[in-house]
Structures are given as structure tokens and as C-alpha cells.
Amino acid sequence: MIRKHSVVIAGHPTSISLEDEFWSMLNKVADKEGISLAALICKIDTERQGEKPYNLSSAIRIYVLNYSLAGSDKI
């Protein structure tokens, strides 16, 4: 199921629509990396500003997928 999650990034509130599975994986990545969920979302937000400006929800999905494919000890 897709749910909206409210987060604050760079000092402003925004909402992210993600499937429960991606939200769960995002939390696991943050835990594994030893950073807060907000910090991880800020990192993803900053990185998406490059040559492929996906919306934030899509950028999170792509980040989690790439993290998982990179073999980061199974998130």
C-alpha cells in the first residue's frame, strides 16, 4: 500500500508517497548507515538534484534499489 509520510528536509516540510516496503527498507538503510531517517532523505534529496532530477519519492525508490543491488549486506 502507498502511504504519505511527512518529513522535514532542509528546514521545510514535504510529503513523500512510498509503498510500505520501500519505507521499511529506507528505515533499514538509515539504521545500517548509522544516520537518522531525515539525514538519509536529505542526502537522497541532495543527490537527486544532479543530472537526473527525479521527484523525491522516485529518487528514494531508486536509491533503495541501488543500495540493495550493491550488495550492502542485505537490507
N, C-alpha and C. Protein backbone atom coordinates (compact mmCIF):
# COMPACT_ATOMS: atom_id res chain seq x y z
N MET A 1 0.84 -1.17 0.00
CA MET A 1 0.00 0.00 0.00
C MET A 1 0.90 1.25 0.00
N ILE A 2 0.52 2.24 -0.76
CA ILE A 2 1.25 3.50 -0.78
C ILE A 2 0.70 4.40 0.31
N ARG A 3 1.63 4.96 1.09
CA ARG A 3 1.25 5.87 2.17
C ARG A 3 2.03 7.17 2.03
N LYS A 4 1.41 8.26 2.48
CA LYS A 4 2.10 9.54 2.52
C LYS A 4 2.80 9.66 3.86
N HIS A 5 4.05 10.12 3.82
CA HIS A 5 4.84 10.34 5.02
C HIS A 5 5.29 11.79 5.01
N SER A 6 5.08 12.47 6.13
CA SER A 6 5.52 13.86 6.25
C SER A 6 6.92 13.89 6.83
N VAL A 7 7.79 14.64 6.17
CA VAL A 7 9.17 14.79 6.62
C VAL A 7 9.59 16.25 6.47
N VAL A 8 10.65 16.61 7.19
CA VAL A 8 11.22 17.94 7.05
C VAL A 8 12.61 17.79 6.47
N ILE A 9 12.84 18.42 5.34
CA ILE A 9 14.17 18.39 4.72
C ILE A 9 14.58 19.82 4.41
N ALA A 10 15.82 20.11 4.74
CA ALA A 10 16.37 21.46 4.52
C ALA A 10 15.47 22.52 5.15
N GLY A 11 14.88 22.17 6.29
CA GLY A 11 14.08 23.13 7.04
C GLY A 11 12.66 23.34 6.54
N HIS A 12 12.25 22.60 5.54
CA HIS A 12 10.87 22.78 5.07
C HIS A 12 10.14 21.43 5.03
N PRO A 13 8.86 21.46 5.39
CA PRO A 13 8.09 20.21 5.40
C PRO A 13 7.71 19.79 3.97
N THR A 14 7.68 18.51 3.76
CA THR A 14 7.24 17.94 2.49
C THR A 14 6.63 16.58 2.77
N SER A 15 5.94 16.05 1.80
CA SER A 15 5.39 14.71 1.98
C SER A 15 5.94 13.81 0.88
N ILE A 16 6.09 12.55 1.24
CA ILE A 16 6.64 11.54 0.35
C ILE A 16 5.62 10.40 0.29
N SER A 17 5.27 9.99 -0.90
CA SER A 17 4.37 8.85 -1.07
C SER A 17 5.21 7.64 -1.43
N LEU A 18 5.21 6.64 -0.55
CA LEU A 18 6.00 5.44 -0.76
C LEU A 18 5.21 4.20 -0.36
N GLU A 19 5.48 3.12 -1.06
CA GLU A 19 4.94 1.84 -0.66
C GLU A 19 5.55 1.46 0.69
N ASP A 20 4.79 0.71 1.48
CA ASP A 20 5.25 0.31 2.80
C ASP A 20 6.61 -0.39 2.74
N GLU A 21 6.80 -1.22 1.71
CA GLU A 21 8.05 -1.97 1.59
C GLU A 21 9.25 -1.05 1.39
N PHE A 22 9.08 -0.01 0.58
CA PHE A 22 10.19 0.93 0.37
C PHE A 22 10.44 1.75 1.63
N TRP A 23 9.38 2.13 2.34
CA TRP A 23 9.56 2.89 3.58
C TRP A 23 10.32 2.05 4.61
N SER A 24 9.96 0.78 4.70
CA SER A 24 10.64 -0.12 5.63
C SER A 24 12.11 -0.28 5.25
N MET A 25 12.38 -0.47 3.96
CA MET A 25 13.77 -0.61 3.52
C MET A 25 14.56 0.68 3.74
N LEU A 26 13.92 1.81 3.53
CA LEU A 26 14.59 3.10 3.76
C LEU A 26 15.01 3.22 5.22
N ASN A 27 14.13 2.82 6.13
CA ASN A 27 14.46 2.84 7.56
C ASN A 27 15.63 1.91 7.87
N LYS A 28 15.65 0.74 7.24
CA LYS A 28 16.74 -0.20 7.46
C LYS A 28 18.06 0.34 6.95
N VAL A 29 18.03 1.02 5.81
CA VAL A 29 19.26 1.63 5.27
C VAL A 29 19.78 2.69 6.25
N ALA A 30 18.90 3.54 6.74
CA ALA A 30 19.30 4.57 7.69
C ALA A 30 19.93 3.95 8.93
N ASP A 31 19.30 2.90 9.47
CA ASP A 31 19.85 2.21 10.64
C ASP A 31 21.22 1.62 10.32
N LYS A 32 21.32 0.96 9.18
CA LYS A 32 22.58 0.33 8.79
C LYS A 32 23.70 1.34 8.61
N GLU A 33 23.36 2.51 8.08
CA GLU A 33 24.36 3.56 7.86
C GLU A 33 24.62 4.39 9.12
N GLY A 34 23.83 4.17 10.15
CA GLY A 34 24.03 4.87 11.41
C GLY A 34 23.65 6.35 11.34
N ILE A 35 22.66 6.67 10.50
CA ILE A 35 22.20 8.05 10.41
C ILE A 35 20.69 8.08 10.59
N SER A 36 20.18 9.25 10.87
CA SER A 36 18.74 9.37 11.04
C SER A 36 18.04 9.24 9.69
N LEU A 37 16.79 8.91 9.75
CA LEU A 37 15.99 8.81 8.54
C LEU A 37 15.97 10.17 7.82
N ALA A 38 15.81 11.24 8.59
CA ALA A 38 15.80 12.59 7.99
C ALA A 38 17.11 12.89 7.28
N ALA A 39 18.23 12.50 7.89
CA ALA A 39 19.53 12.75 7.26
C ALA A 39 19.67 11.96 5.96
N LEU A 40 19.19 10.73 5.95
CA LEU A 40 19.26 9.92 4.73
C LEU A 40 18.39 10.53 3.63
N ILE A 41 17.20 10.97 3.99
CA ILE A 41 16.32 11.58 2.99
C ILE A 41 16.95 12.87 2.46
N CYS A 42 17.59 13.66 3.33
CA CYS A 42 18.28 14.88 2.87
C CYS A 42 19.40 14.53 1.90
N LYS A 43 20.14 13.46 2.20
CA LYS A 43 21.21 13.02 1.31
C LYS A 43 20.65 12.65 -0.06
N ILE A 44 19.59 11.88 -0.07
CA ILE A 44 18.96 11.47 -1.32
C ILE A 44 18.44 12.69 -2.07
N ASP A 45 17.84 13.61 -1.34
CA ASP A 45 17.32 14.84 -1.95
C ASP A 45 18.43 15.64 -2.62
N THR A 46 19.57 15.75 -1.95
CA THR A 46 20.70 16.49 -2.50
C THR A 46 21.25 15.80 -3.74
N GLU A 47 21.37 14.49 -3.69
CA GLU A 47 21.93 13.73 -4.82
C GLU A 47 21.01 13.74 -6.04
N ARG A 48 19.72 13.85 -5.83
CA ARG A 48 18.80 13.81 -6.97
C ARG A 48 18.82 15.10 -7.78
N GLN A 49 19.45 16.13 -7.28
CA GLN A 49 19.50 17.40 -7.97
C GLN A 49 20.45 17.38 -9.15
N GLY A 50 21.17 16.26 -9.33
CA GLY A 50 22.16 16.14 -10.40
C GLY A 50 21.52 16.05 -11.77
N GLU A 51 22.08 15.18 -12.59
CA GLU A 51 21.65 15.13 -13.98
C GLU A 51 20.31 14.43 -14.19
N LYS A 52 19.82 13.69 -13.19
CA LYS A 52 18.52 13.03 -13.32
C LYS A 52 17.60 13.51 -12.21
N PRO A 53 16.93 14.62 -12.40
CA PRO A 53 16.11 15.19 -11.32
C PRO A 53 14.76 14.49 -11.15
N TYR A 54 14.79 13.30 -10.55
CA TYR A 54 13.56 12.57 -10.25
C TYR A 54 12.82 13.28 -9.13
N ASN A 55 11.50 13.01 -9.02
CA ASN A 55 10.83 13.53 -7.83
C ASN A 55 11.37 12.76 -6.63
N LEU A 56 11.17 13.27 -5.45
CA LEU A 56 11.81 12.70 -4.27
C LEU A 56 11.37 11.27 -4.00
N SER A 57 10.10 10.97 -4.16
CA SER A 57 9.64 9.59 -3.94
C SER A 57 10.33 8.62 -4.89
N SER A 58 10.44 8.99 -6.15
CA SER A 58 11.13 8.14 -7.12
C SER A 58 12.61 8.03 -6.80
N ALA A 59 13.21 9.13 -6.39
CA ALA A 59 14.64 9.13 -6.04
C ALA A 59 14.90 8.18 -4.87
N ILE A 60 13.98 8.15 -3.90
CA ILE A 60 14.13 7.25 -2.76
C ILE A 60 14.03 5.80 -3.22
N ARG A 61 13.07 5.50 -4.06
CA ARG A 61 12.93 4.13 -4.57
C ARG A 61 14.20 3.69 -5.30
N ILE A 62 14.72 4.55 -6.15
CA ILE A 62 15.93 4.24 -6.91
C ILE A 62 17.12 4.07 -5.98
N TYR A 63 17.24 4.92 -4.98
CA TYR A 63 18.34 4.83 -4.02
C TYR A 63 18.29 3.49 -3.28
N VAL A 64 17.12 3.14 -2.77
CA VAL A 64 16.96 1.88 -2.03
C VAL A 64 17.26 0.69 -2.94
N LEU A 65 16.76 0.73 -4.16
CA LEU A 65 17.02 -0.35 -5.11
C LEU A 65 18.51 -0.49 -5.38
N ASN A 66 19.18 0.63 -5.68
CA ASN A 66 20.62 0.59 -5.95
C ASN A 66 21.41 0.13 -4.73
N TYR A 67 21.00 0.56 -3.55
CA TYR A 67 21.65 0.15 -2.30
C TYR A 67 21.55 -1.36 -2.15
N SER A 68 20.36 -1.87 -2.41
CA SER A 68 20.13 -3.31 -2.30
C SER A 68 20.93 -4.08 -3.36
N LEU A 69 20.93 -3.60 -4.58
CA LEU A 69 21.67 -4.27 -5.66
C LEU A 69 23.17 -4.22 -5.46
N ALA A 70 23.65 -3.22 -4.75
CA ALA A 70 25.08 -3.09 -4.50
C ALA A 70 25.57 -4.15 -3.50
N GLY A 71 24.63 -4.91 -2.94
CA GLY A 71 25.00 -5.99 -2.03
C GLY A 71 25.40 -5.49 -0.66
N SER A 72 24.76 -4.44 -0.21
CA SER A 72 25.09 -3.86 1.08
C SER A 72 24.58 -4.74 2.22
N ASP A 73 25.06 -5.95 2.26
CA ASP A 73 24.74 -6.93 3.31
C ASP A 73 23.26 -7.10 3.56
N LYS A 74 22.50 -7.13 2.52
CA LYS A 74 21.07 -7.40 2.61
C LYS A 74 20.37 -6.51 3.62
N ILE A 75 19.69 -5.53 3.12
CA ILE A 75 18.96 -4.63 3.99
C ILE A 75 17.62 -5.19 4.39
